[in-house]
Amino acid sequence: MSASVQSDIQDGLKTSICEIARRLCVATDAKACYLAMRERPTAPPRFIGAVGVQGDPPDWNEIDGDHLVRRIGHKRELVVAERSMHALLLALPASGRDIGVAVLLFDSEPPPVSDAFVAAAQLAGLALESVWQLAALHDQAEQLAERTRLREIQVSRNLIRGVIDSVPMGLVLIDPVGYVLAANRALAERFGLEPAMLVGRFYGDVLGEWSEAAAARTFATRQPQRLRRTLQRPGGSESLIEIASIPLFDASGAAHQAVEVWEDITERVALQTQLVRAEKLAAIGHLAASIAHEVGNPLQAIQGFLALFLEQCPPETPNQHFLQLAEEEIDRIVRVLERLRDLYRPRADVFTHVNVNELIESVLLLTGKQLERSRIQVLRELAPDLPAIQGVADQLKQVLLNLVLNAAEAMPNGGTLHVQTYRYHPTEGKGAVAIAITDTGIGISPDQLTRIFDGLHTTKERGMGLGLYTSRAIIERHLGRISAQSIPGEGTTFEIVLPVRHEEIRHETTGENPGR
């Protein structure tokens, strides 16, 4: 019920009470009439209205009304406004009880209480009861309407809360000082709390540094802001969160609140990264196939001439084993070129048992002269009891050769190359073999370290960015992993972890790890 309607009802009640008092004055020839009503049967009457025949009646307190109403049925002489007046009190009956009192004022001795007086009092009581009941009905209607409004508001709030809590993104409403005004369930659960536990708390105590918050920037600039944060998940993994902050303005144009929307974009960014990687793979595949084709033709000629030369050389030719070693390496180059073609055209790999230590020794034999000329000392620390792994020897040899040559390039003024093999025991699954290749070279900057395995990314003037990219692809096809740690100016360590055995012995070779 609106305030204007309620005011109209109050005015109507007051008018009705005054009309009842006026009619009592007419019926009894009284100069003034005061009406007092009992709120309950045992309660004393309470003044509710008065009317005078000529002008406003004297004040209720001036005639000591509260004392008068205790003497119903009696007459009393009063001094009002320095003149003598007489009061007559009549009970106002209704519904079998006295609901109130009428105080009638006369200039002289009041007339005796006649049947007409009694009848007028009865009519006044009935009228007063009707008016009061009508007012009570209006009050009840107002209370009912208020309860209905409250229920509707509560239903609306519950609906809004349900909608907000069903949103998978985190939502938080913040004031300019940084206190949380409201939050939804998605945001609260990210911090292991209930939404109500966030309300009233300072942003910096529960949600992160306030000075770096998007909302703080929004209040400072009065503009929407967007930033990204990395949060720790309950399970220990990290999630990438994008936070957008939107200002809310009041009627004066001041930004009095801000809403932050927290969205977990971990999977989306991962998919985007995979898409970029797939696009790079396609480009690398085309490039690699073209390189393999261009290099393959002259290499076949070299291979043919070398084979012809070996056929014509007698067995006792000095250093013939070096020529045979060169022929084997040319064969390996041919297979490497085939692997480059495989980046574009997959083929089946056949896994066999591979002795990792023997593989390393063959790589060090191939690179021995180059390492010696570069004044690089080789330290071997090869575990003697390593189990054989299942893999493609040529592919793994290509990876190791690439890492050794990269290490040599990182030590242009000489240094130490430390090669280790050891058993690796993961917390879950079967055992593995690990290979660590450490140099004392120039190292890799943190920015470059995060990108060294990306295709077409290189730090060399004449590099193509395929070596480490291809190496990672090979290791992942062997269901292993390769990682790097580096301190600029001190050196770099590459670690390869390969499972001792795996179920997938034969699969299609592609630029991506199968099944991932």
Protein backbone atom coordinates (compact mmCIF):
# COMPACT_ATOMS: atom_id res chain seq x y z
CA MET A 1 0.00 0.00 0.00
CA SER A 2 1.39 3.40 -0.97
CA ALA A 3 2.00 6.21 1.52
CA SER A 4 -0.70 8.37 -0.10
CA VAL A 5 -3.33 5.63 0.24
CA GLN A 6 -2.37 5.05 3.86
CA SER A 7 -2.63 8.79 4.54
CA ASP A 8 -6.10 8.87 2.95
CA ILE A 9 -7.21 6.02 5.23
CA GLN A 10 -5.92 7.83 8.33
CA ASP A 11 -7.67 11.03 7.29
CA GLY A 12 -10.89 9.11 6.70
CA LEU A 13 -10.68 7.48 10.15
CA LYS A 14 -10.10 10.85 11.81
CA THR A 15 -13.03 12.38 9.94
CA SER A 16 -15.34 9.51 10.95
CA ILE A 17 -14.36 9.84 14.63
CA CYS A 18 -14.99 13.59 14.55
CA GLU A 19 -18.39 13.00 12.91
CA ILE A 20 -19.40 10.56 15.66
CA ALA A 21 -18.36 13.11 18.31
CA ARG A 22 -20.28 15.88 16.53
CA ARG A 23 -23.48 13.81 16.40
CA LEU A 24 -23.20 13.11 20.13
CA CYS A 25 -22.93 16.85 20.71
CA VAL A 26 -26.10 17.40 18.65
CA ALA A 27 -27.99 14.62 20.45
CA THR A 28 -27.07 15.88 23.94
CA ASP A 29 -26.71 19.66 23.41
CA ALA A 30 -23.10 19.39 24.62
CA LYS A 31 -20.55 22.08 23.78
CA ALA A 32 -17.77 19.58 23.12
CA CYS A 33 -17.32 15.83 22.90
CA TYR A 34 -14.18 13.74 23.47
CA LEU A 35 -13.95 10.11 22.45
CA ALA A 36 -11.65 7.57 24.11
CA MET A 37 -11.48 3.92 23.10
CA ARG A 38 -10.25 0.73 24.77
CA GLU A 39 -7.73 -1.25 22.74
CA ARG A 40 -8.75 -4.35 24.76
CA PRO A 41 -11.52 -4.98 27.33
CA THR A 42 -9.35 -4.49 30.44
CA ALA A 43 -7.28 -1.59 29.11
CA PRO A 44 -7.98 2.02 30.10
CA PRO A 45 -9.63 4.15 27.40
CA ARG A 46 -7.26 6.00 25.07
CA PHE A 47 -8.12 9.39 23.57
CA ILE A 48 -8.79 9.15 19.85
CA GLY A 49 -10.53 12.41 18.86
CA ALA A 50 -12.64 15.40 19.84
CA VAL A 51 -14.92 18.03 18.36
CA GLY A 52 -16.32 21.35 19.60
CA VAL A 53 -19.61 22.96 18.64
CA GLN A 54 -17.99 26.38 18.48
CA GLY A 55 -14.34 26.18 17.50
CA ASP A 56 -11.78 23.65 18.65
CA PRO A 57 -12.46 21.96 21.98
CA PRO A 58 -10.07 22.39 24.92
CA ASP A 59 -7.01 20.16 24.96
CA TRP A 60 -7.53 16.65 26.33
CA ASN A 61 -4.82 17.17 28.93
CA GLU A 62 -6.34 20.50 29.94
CA ILE A 63 -9.53 18.76 31.05
CA ASP A 64 -7.47 15.95 32.65
CA GLY A 65 -9.14 13.48 30.33
CA ASP A 66 -7.16 10.44 31.44
CA HIS A 67 -8.47 10.97 35.00
CA LEU A 68 -12.02 11.70 33.89
CA VAL A 69 -12.52 8.49 31.92
CA ARG A 70 -12.03 6.49 35.10
CA ARG A 71 -15.35 7.92 36.41
CA ILE A 72 -17.79 6.72 33.77
CA GLY A 73 -21.41 7.64 34.53
CA HIS A 74 -20.47 10.53 36.82
CA LYS A 75 -20.74 14.28 36.46
CA ARG A 76 -17.89 16.58 37.31
CA GLU A 77 -17.40 20.31 37.41
CA LEU A 78 -14.30 21.58 35.62
CA VAL A 79 -12.51 24.88 35.21
CA VAL A 80 -11.58 25.21 31.56
CA ALA A 81 -10.09 28.38 30.08
CA GLU A 82 -10.90 30.28 33.30
CA ARG A 83 -14.52 29.37 33.11
CA SER A 84 -16.54 26.75 34.84
CA MET A 85 -17.78 23.80 32.77
CA HIS A 86 -19.43 20.51 33.61
CA ALA A 87 -18.44 17.09 32.29
CA LEU A 88 -20.67 14.10 31.77
CA LEU A 89 -19.16 10.69 30.97
CA LEU A 90 -21.08 8.13 28.95
CA ALA A 91 -20.01 4.55 28.28
CA LEU A 92 -20.07 3.56 24.61
CA PRO A 93 -21.34 -0.05 24.37
CA ALA A 94 -20.91 -2.37 21.37
CA SER A 95 -20.97 -6.14 20.96
CA GLY A 96 -21.91 -6.64 24.62
CA ARG A 97 -19.07 -4.61 26.16
CA ASP A 98 -17.95 -1.05 26.68
CA ILE A 99 -15.54 -0.23 23.88
CA GLY A 100 -14.93 3.36 24.91
CA VAL A 101 -16.01 6.53 26.70
CA ALA A 102 -17.59 9.80 25.55
CA VAL A 103 -16.72 12.89 27.63
CA LEU A 104 -19.38 15.59 27.06
CA LEU A 105 -18.77 19.20 28.20
CA PHE A 106 -21.63 21.57 29.13
CA ASP A 107 -21.61 25.25 30.14
CA SER A 108 -24.09 24.49 32.96
CA GLU A 109 -25.33 21.53 34.91
CA PRO A 110 -25.70 18.60 32.46
CA PRO A 111 -29.19 17.25 31.89
CA PRO A 112 -30.05 13.90 33.44
CA VAL A 113 -29.01 10.81 31.51
CA SER A 114 -32.14 9.97 29.58
CA ASP A 115 -33.03 7.10 27.30
CA ALA A 116 -32.13 9.38 24.40
CA PHE A 117 -28.64 9.80 25.85
CA VAL A 118 -28.29 6.03 26.25
CA ALA A 119 -29.54 5.40 22.70
CA ALA A 120 -27.14 8.02 21.32
CA ALA A 121 -24.26 6.40 23.23
CA GLN A 122 -25.20 2.96 21.86
CA LEU A 123 -25.33 4.29 18.30
CA ALA A 124 -22.03 6.07 18.80
CA GLY A 125 -20.48 2.86 20.17
CA LEU A 126 -21.68 0.83 17.19
CA ALA A 127 -20.48 3.48 14.77
CA LEU A 128 -17.13 3.73 16.51
CA GLU A 129 -16.76 -0.06 16.47
CA SER A 130 -17.53 -0.15 12.74
CA VAL A 131 -15.04 2.58 12.01
CA TRP A 132 -12.40 0.86 14.11
CA GLN A 133 -13.06 -2.50 12.49
CA LEU A 134 -12.75 -0.89 9.09
CA ALA A 135 -9.44 0.63 10.13
CA ALA A 136 -8.32 -2.76 11.44
CA LEU A 137 -9.26 -4.36 8.11
CA HIS A 138 -7.19 -1.74 6.35
CA ASP A 139 -4.27 -2.50 8.68
CA GLN A 140 -4.63 -6.23 8.05
CA ALA A 141 -4.78 -5.61 4.33
CA GLU A 142 -1.65 -3.49 4.63
CA GLN A 143 0.15 -6.20 6.61
CA LEU A 144 -0.96 -8.86 4.13
CA ALA A 145 0.21 -6.72 1.23
CA GLU A 146 3.52 -6.11 3.01
CA ARG A 147 4.01 -9.83 3.66
CA THR A 148 3.14 -10.53 0.03
CA ARG A 149 5.70 -7.96 -1.09
CA LEU A 150 8.31 -9.45 1.21
CA ARG A 151 7.58 -12.94 -0.12
CA GLU A 152 7.82 -11.68 -3.70
CA ILE A 153 11.08 -9.91 -2.90
CA GLN A 154 12.41 -13.07 -1.25
CA VAL A 155 11.32 -15.22 -4.20
CA SER A 156 12.93 -12.72 -6.56
CA ARG A 157 16.13 -12.70 -4.49
CA ASN A 158 16.20 -16.49 -4.37
CA LEU A 159 15.69 -16.61 -8.13
CA ILE A 160 18.47 -14.10 -8.74
CA ARG A 161 20.73 -15.94 -6.28
CA GLY A 162 19.96 -19.24 -8.00
CA VAL A 163 20.79 -17.78 -11.40
CA ILE A 164 24.00 -16.16 -10.13
CA ASP A 165 25.10 -19.33 -8.33
CA SER A 166 24.43 -21.41 -11.44
CA VAL A 167 26.83 -19.28 -13.50
CA PRO A 168 30.09 -21.25 -13.86
CA MET A 169 32.14 -18.06 -13.78
CA GLY A 170 33.02 -16.39 -10.49
CA LEU A 171 31.20 -13.13 -9.70
CA VAL A 172 32.04 -10.67 -6.92
CA LEU A 173 30.65 -7.20 -6.12
CA ILE A 174 33.13 -4.82 -4.47
CA ASP A 175 32.96 -1.33 -2.96
CA PRO A 176 35.61 1.36 -3.63
CA VAL A 177 37.47 0.57 -0.40
CA GLY A 178 37.86 -3.08 -1.38
CA TYR A 179 35.22 -4.82 0.71
CA VAL A 180 33.16 -7.66 -0.75
CA LEU A 181 29.45 -6.84 -0.99
CA ALA A 182 28.31 -10.07 -2.67
CA ALA A 183 29.80 -13.17 -4.29
CA ASN A 184 28.47 -16.23 -6.07
CA ARG A 185 29.12 -19.88 -5.29
CA ALA A 186 31.56 -20.47 -8.16
CA LEU A 187 33.94 -17.84 -6.80
CA ALA A 188 33.58 -18.88 -3.15
CA GLU A 189 34.21 -22.56 -3.89
CA ARG A 190 37.43 -21.64 -5.69
CA PHE A 191 38.72 -20.56 -2.26
CA GLY A 192 37.00 -23.36 -0.33
CA LEU A 193 34.38 -21.04 1.21
CA GLU A 194 30.65 -20.41 1.23
CA PRO A 195 29.43 -17.21 -0.52
CA ALA A 196 28.25 -15.71 2.80
CA MET A 197 31.76 -16.13 4.22
CA LEU A 198 33.14 -13.68 1.65
CA VAL A 199 30.59 -10.92 2.24
CA GLY A 200 31.94 -8.09 4.38
CA ARG A 201 35.56 -9.22 4.15
CA PHE A 202 38.39 -7.21 2.66
CA TYR A 203 39.36 -8.25 -0.87
CA GLY A 204 43.03 -8.51 0.02
CA ASP A 205 42.33 -10.94 2.87
CA VAL A 206 40.68 -13.61 0.72
CA LEU A 207 40.92 -12.92 -3.02
CA GLY A 208 44.42 -11.59 -3.58
CA GLU A 209 46.42 -8.37 -3.43
CA TRP A 210 43.91 -5.47 -3.57
CA SER A 211 46.36 -3.01 -5.18
CA GLU A 212 46.78 -5.42 -8.12
CA ALA A 213 43.08 -6.30 -8.44
CA ALA A 214 41.15 -5.49 -11.60
CA ALA A 215 38.48 -3.75 -9.50
CA ALA A 216 41.06 -1.46 -7.88
CA ARG A 217 42.21 -0.40 -11.34
CA THR A 218 38.60 0.11 -12.37
CA PHE A 219 37.94 2.48 -9.45
CA ALA A 220 41.17 4.35 -10.28
CA THR A 221 40.42 4.71 -14.00
CA ARG A 222 36.58 4.50 -14.03
CA GLN A 223 37.05 2.12 -16.98
CA PRO A 224 36.58 -1.65 -17.41
CA GLN A 225 39.78 -3.59 -16.78
CA ARG A 226 40.98 -7.09 -17.69
CA LEU A 227 43.90 -9.13 -16.37
CA ARG A 228 45.05 -12.73 -15.90
CA ARG A 229 46.08 -14.55 -12.73
CA THR A 230 47.42 -18.02 -12.02
CA LEU A 231 45.74 -19.76 -9.07
CA GLN A 232 46.48 -23.01 -7.31
CA ARG A 233 43.69 -25.57 -7.57
CA PRO A 234 42.72 -27.70 -4.55
CA GLY A 235 44.36 -30.73 -6.20
CA GLY A 236 47.66 -28.88 -6.59
CA SER A 237 47.49 -28.06 -10.31
CA GLU A 238 47.42 -24.49 -11.56
CA SER A 239 44.60 -22.76 -13.38
CA LEU A 240 44.76 -19.62 -15.51
CA ILE A 241 42.03 -17.14 -14.57
CA GLU A 242 40.95 -14.15 -16.64
CA ILE A 243 39.39 -11.41 -14.49
CA ALA A 244 37.23 -8.69 -16.05
CA SER A 245 36.15 -5.73 -13.90
CA ILE A 246 33.18 -3.49 -14.75
CA PRO A 247 32.35 -0.21 -12.92
CA LEU A 248 28.82 0.55 -11.64
CA PHE A 249 27.90 4.24 -11.44
CA ASP A 250 25.37 5.92 -9.13
CA ALA A 251 23.04 8.79 -10.03
CA SER A 252 25.80 11.35 -9.46
CA GLY A 253 28.13 9.56 -11.87
CA ALA A 254 30.48 8.20 -9.20
CA ALA A 255 31.76 4.63 -9.50
CA HIS A 256 30.32 3.33 -6.21
CA GLN A 257 30.69 -0.40 -6.96
CA ALA A 258 32.53 -2.74 -9.32
CA VAL A 259 31.79 -6.26 -10.53
CA GLU A 260 34.60 -8.72 -11.17
CA VAL A 261 33.98 -11.72 -13.45
CA TRP A 262 36.41 -14.61 -12.94
CA GLU A 263 36.67 -17.08 -15.84
CA ASP A 264 38.87 -20.17 -15.88
CA ILE A 265 40.52 -20.11 -19.32
CA THR A 266 43.03 -22.90 -18.69
CA GLU A 267 41.46 -25.32 -21.16
CA ARG A 268 40.77 -22.62 -23.73
CA VAL A 269 44.38 -21.43 -23.70
CA ALA A 270 45.57 -25.05 -23.88
CA LEU A 271 43.37 -25.64 -26.93
CA GLN A 272 44.67 -22.45 -28.53
CA THR A 273 48.24 -23.60 -27.85
CA GLN A 274 47.48 -26.98 -29.42
CA LEU A 275 45.97 -25.26 -32.43
CA VAL A 276 49.03 -23.05 -32.88
CA ARG A 277 51.25 -26.10 -32.48
CA ALA A 278 49.23 -28.00 -35.09
CA GLU A 279 49.52 -25.07 -37.49
CA LYS A 280 53.27 -24.94 -36.90
CA LEU A 281 53.48 -28.67 -37.42
CA ALA A 282 51.77 -28.36 -40.78
CA ALA A 283 54.19 -25.62 -41.83
CA ILE A 284 57.18 -27.58 -40.53
CA GLY A 285 55.95 -30.70 -42.29
CA HIS A 286 55.80 -28.96 -45.63
CA LEU A 287 59.19 -27.35 -45.06
CA ALA A 288 60.79 -30.59 -43.87
CA ALA A 289 59.46 -32.57 -46.83
CA SER A 290 60.86 -29.94 -49.17
CA ILE A 291 64.27 -30.01 -47.43
CA ALA A 292 64.37 -33.80 -47.48
CA HIS A 293 63.63 -33.82 -51.18
CA GLU A 294 66.27 -31.21 -52.04
CA VAL A 295 68.99 -32.77 -49.86
CA GLY A 296 68.11 -36.36 -50.73
CA ASN A 297 69.11 -36.19 -54.38
CA PRO A 298 72.76 -35.09 -53.93
CA LEU A 299 73.07 -37.32 -50.86
CA GLN A 300 72.09 -40.35 -52.91
CA ALA A 301 74.88 -39.49 -55.35
CA ILE A 302 77.41 -39.23 -52.50
CA GLN A 303 76.16 -42.51 -51.07
CA GLY A 304 76.53 -44.21 -54.44
CA PHE A 305 80.05 -42.90 -55.07
CA LEU A 306 81.17 -43.92 -51.57
CA ALA A 307 79.75 -47.42 -52.00
CA LEU A 308 81.53 -47.70 -55.37
CA PHE A 309 84.79 -46.53 -53.81
CA LEU A 310 84.52 -49.09 -50.99
CA GLU A 311 83.89 -51.87 -53.50
CA GLN A 312 87.06 -50.96 -55.39
CA CYS A 313 89.24 -50.63 -52.28
CA PRO A 314 91.13 -53.74 -51.19
CA PRO A 315 90.47 -54.91 -47.62
CA GLU A 316 93.92 -53.83 -46.46
CA THR A 317 93.30 -50.15 -47.39
CA PRO A 318 94.43 -47.94 -44.42
CA ASN A 319 91.62 -46.38 -42.31
CA GLN A 320 89.00 -48.26 -44.30
CA HIS A 321 86.88 -48.52 -41.14
CA PHE A 322 86.50 -44.71 -41.19
CA LEU A 323 85.06 -44.96 -44.70
CA GLN A 324 82.68 -47.66 -43.50
CA LEU A 325 81.70 -45.47 -40.56
CA ALA A 326 81.05 -42.60 -42.99
CA GLU A 327 78.87 -44.92 -45.07
CA GLU A 328 76.87 -45.86 -41.94
CA GLU A 329 76.40 -42.21 -41.04
CA ILE A 330 75.27 -41.40 -44.59
CA ASP A 331 72.73 -44.21 -44.18
CA ARG A 332 71.64 -42.59 -40.95
CA ILE A 333 71.34 -39.20 -42.68
CA VAL A 334 69.09 -40.86 -45.24
CA ARG A 335 66.94 -42.21 -42.43
CA VAL A 336 66.89 -38.75 -40.80
CA LEU A 337 65.63 -37.31 -44.06
CA GLU A 338 62.96 -39.97 -44.07
CA ARG A 339 62.05 -38.87 -40.54
CA LEU A 340 61.73 -35.30 -41.82
CA ARG A 341 59.35 -36.55 -44.48
CA ASP A 342 57.44 -38.32 -41.70
CA LEU A 343 56.60 -34.95 -40.18
CA TYR A 344 54.39 -34.55 -43.23
CA ARG A 345 53.72 -38.17 -44.20
CA PRO A 346 53.28 -40.57 -41.22
CA ARG A 347 54.59 -44.11 -41.30
CA ALA A 348 54.75 -47.02 -38.85
CA ASP A 349 57.56 -47.26 -36.30
CA VAL A 350 58.95 -50.60 -35.14
CA PHE A 351 60.29 -50.53 -31.59
CA THR A 352 63.14 -52.81 -30.53
CA HIS A 353 65.25 -53.22 -27.40
CA VAL A 354 67.79 -50.40 -27.14
CA ASN A 355 70.84 -50.22 -24.86
CA VAL A 356 71.00 -46.56 -23.82
CA ASN A 357 74.66 -46.62 -22.74
CA GLU A 358 75.77 -48.11 -26.07
CA LEU A 359 73.71 -45.50 -27.89
CA ILE A 360 75.48 -42.72 -25.98
CA GLU A 361 78.91 -44.19 -26.65
CA SER A 362 78.20 -44.31 -30.39
CA VAL A 363 77.16 -40.64 -30.34
CA LEU A 364 80.28 -39.64 -28.39
CA LEU A 365 82.41 -41.59 -30.87
CA LEU A 366 80.87 -39.68 -33.77
CA THR A 367 81.38 -36.32 -32.10
CA GLY A 368 84.73 -37.10 -30.43
CA LYS A 369 86.96 -35.24 -32.89
CA GLN A 370 84.70 -32.19 -32.96
CA LEU A 371 84.57 -32.06 -29.15
CA GLU A 372 88.34 -32.45 -28.96
CA ARG A 373 88.93 -29.61 -31.43
CA SER A 374 86.54 -27.45 -29.39
CA ARG A 375 88.58 -28.17 -26.23
CA ILE A 376 85.61 -29.82 -24.57
CA GLN A 377 86.26 -32.46 -21.95
CA VAL A 378 83.72 -35.30 -21.76
CA LEU A 379 82.80 -36.76 -18.36
CA ARG A 380 80.90 -40.04 -18.50
CA GLU A 381 78.78 -41.23 -15.59
CA LEU A 382 76.88 -44.14 -17.09
CA ALA A 383 75.03 -46.52 -14.79
CA PRO A 384 76.25 -50.05 -15.54
CA ASP A 385 73.05 -51.89 -14.65
CA LEU A 386 70.58 -49.97 -16.80
CA PRO A 387 67.79 -52.09 -18.30
CA ALA A 388 67.15 -51.92 -22.02
CA ILE A 389 64.32 -49.74 -23.22
CA GLN A 390 62.01 -50.19 -26.17
CA GLY A 391 62.51 -47.64 -28.90
CA VAL A 392 63.78 -46.77 -32.34
CA ALA A 393 67.57 -46.52 -32.05
CA ASP A 394 68.09 -44.18 -35.01
CA GLN A 395 65.53 -41.72 -33.68
CA LEU A 396 66.98 -41.69 -30.17
CA LYS A 397 70.48 -41.37 -31.60
CA GLN A 398 69.30 -38.34 -33.57
CA VAL A 399 68.05 -36.74 -30.33
CA LEU A 400 71.28 -37.40 -28.42
CA LEU A 401 73.45 -36.20 -31.30
CA ASN A 402 71.42 -33.00 -31.51
CA LEU A 403 71.83 -32.34 -27.77
CA VAL A 404 75.60 -33.03 -27.81
CA LEU A 405 76.17 -30.75 -30.81
CA ASN A 406 74.03 -28.02 -29.21
CA ALA A 407 76.14 -28.33 -26.05
CA ALA A 408 79.34 -27.98 -28.09
CA GLU A 409 78.02 -24.82 -29.74
CA ALA A 410 77.17 -23.41 -26.29
CA MET A 411 80.87 -23.76 -25.27
CA PRO A 412 82.80 -21.92 -28.03
CA ASN A 413 85.77 -21.43 -25.68
CA GLY A 414 85.80 -24.98 -24.41
CA GLY A 415 84.32 -26.50 -21.29
CA THR A 416 83.01 -29.72 -19.83
CA LEU A 417 80.29 -32.00 -21.18
CA HIS A 418 78.85 -34.22 -18.45
CA VAL A 419 76.80 -37.20 -19.67
CA GLN A 420 74.89 -39.27 -17.12
CA THR A 421 72.51 -42.21 -17.19
CA TYR A 422 70.59 -43.49 -14.18
CA ARG A 423 67.46 -45.30 -13.16
CA TYR A 424 64.41 -43.11 -12.78
CA HIS A 425 61.64 -44.19 -10.42
CA PRO A 426 58.42 -42.22 -10.92
CA THR A 427 55.88 -42.18 -8.11
CA GLU A 428 53.36 -43.94 -10.32
CA GLY A 429 53.80 -46.57 -13.00
CA LYS A 430 56.84 -48.62 -13.99
CA GLY A 431 60.50 -47.65 -13.83
CA ALA A 432 62.30 -45.60 -16.42
CA VAL A 433 65.78 -44.73 -17.65
CA ALA A 434 67.02 -41.14 -17.49
CA ILE A 435 69.71 -39.41 -19.53
CA ALA A 436 71.19 -36.06 -18.43
CA ILE A 437 73.46 -34.01 -20.69
CA THR A 438 75.02 -30.99 -18.96
CA ASP A 439 77.31 -28.34 -20.43
CA THR A 440 79.22 -25.45 -18.88
CA GLY A 441 78.30 -23.06 -21.66
CA ILE A 442 76.64 -19.70 -21.95
CA GLY A 443 73.26 -20.92 -20.74
CA ILE A 444 69.76 -19.98 -21.88
CA SER A 445 67.73 -17.00 -20.70
CA PRO A 446 64.45 -17.73 -18.83
CA ASP A 447 62.43 -16.21 -21.67
CA GLN A 448 64.12 -18.40 -24.29
CA LEU A 449 63.95 -21.47 -22.04
CA THR A 450 60.15 -21.51 -22.15
CA ARG A 451 60.19 -21.61 -25.98
CA ILE A 452 63.16 -23.78 -26.94
CA PHE A 453 60.97 -26.77 -27.85
CA ASP A 454 58.65 -24.69 -30.08
CA GLY A 455 58.85 -25.33 -33.79
CA LEU A 456 60.63 -22.69 -35.90
CA HIS A 457 62.03 -21.03 -32.77
CA THR A 458 65.83 -20.73 -32.78
CA THR A 459 68.55 -18.68 -31.11
CA LYS A 460 71.15 -19.51 -33.78
CA GLU A 461 71.96 -17.25 -36.70
CA ARG A 462 71.73 -20.15 -39.16
CA GLY A 463 69.31 -22.30 -37.19
CA MET A 464 65.88 -23.36 -38.44
CA GLY A 465 64.23 -24.14 -35.10
CA LEU A 466 63.64 -27.81 -35.94
CA GLY A 467 66.22 -29.65 -33.82
CA LEU A 468 64.70 -29.50 -30.35
CA TYR A 469 61.18 -29.48 -31.75
CA THR A 470 61.87 -32.75 -33.58
CA SER A 471 63.68 -34.14 -30.53
CA ARG A 472 60.67 -33.53 -28.31
CA ALA A 473 58.37 -35.14 -30.88
CA ILE A 474 60.60 -38.24 -30.95
CA ILE A 475 60.78 -38.51 -27.16
CA GLU A 476 57.01 -38.09 -26.84
CA ARG A 477 56.49 -40.83 -29.42
CA HIS A 478 58.52 -43.02 -27.08
CA LEU A 479 56.08 -42.02 -24.29
CA GLY A 480 58.88 -40.17 -22.52
CA ARG A 481 59.60 -36.58 -21.70
CA ILE A 482 62.42 -34.10 -22.26
CA SER A 483 63.05 -31.01 -20.14
CA ALA A 484 65.69 -28.34 -19.75
CA GLN A 485 67.13 -26.33 -16.88
CA SER A 486 69.59 -23.51 -17.37
CA ILE A 487 71.42 -20.76 -15.52
CA PRO A 488 72.64 -18.01 -17.87
CA GLY A 489 76.43 -17.85 -17.78
CA GLU A 490 76.80 -21.20 -15.99
CA GLY A 491 75.36 -23.88 -18.26
CA THR A 492 72.38 -26.00 -19.27
CA THR A 493 71.11 -29.48 -18.46
CA PHE A 494 68.77 -31.48 -20.68
CA GLU A 495 67.08 -34.47 -19.07
CA ILE A 496 65.38 -37.26 -21.03
CA VAL A 497 63.20 -39.82 -19.24
CA LEU A 498 62.19 -42.94 -21.19
CA PRO A 499 60.03 -45.80 -19.92
CA VAL A 500 61.70 -49.20 -19.71
CA ARG A 501 58.84 -50.73 -21.63
CA HIS A 502 55.39 -49.74 -22.82
CA GLU A 503 52.48 -51.59 -24.37
CA GLU A 504 52.40 -49.63 -27.60
CA ILE A 505 55.26 -51.25 -29.54
CA ARG A 506 54.08 -50.26 -32.99
CA HIS A 507 52.19 -47.11 -33.92
CA GLU A 508 51.90 -44.43 -36.54
CA THR A 509 54.66 -41.84 -36.46
CA THR A 510 53.45 -38.25 -36.64
CA GLY A 511 54.67 -34.93 -35.47
CA GLU A 512 52.47 -35.25 -32.38
CA ASN A 513 52.46 -37.81 -29.60
CA PRO A 514 49.78 -40.41 -30.43
CA GLY A 515 46.80 -40.41 -28.21
CA ARG A 516 47.49 -36.91 -26.88
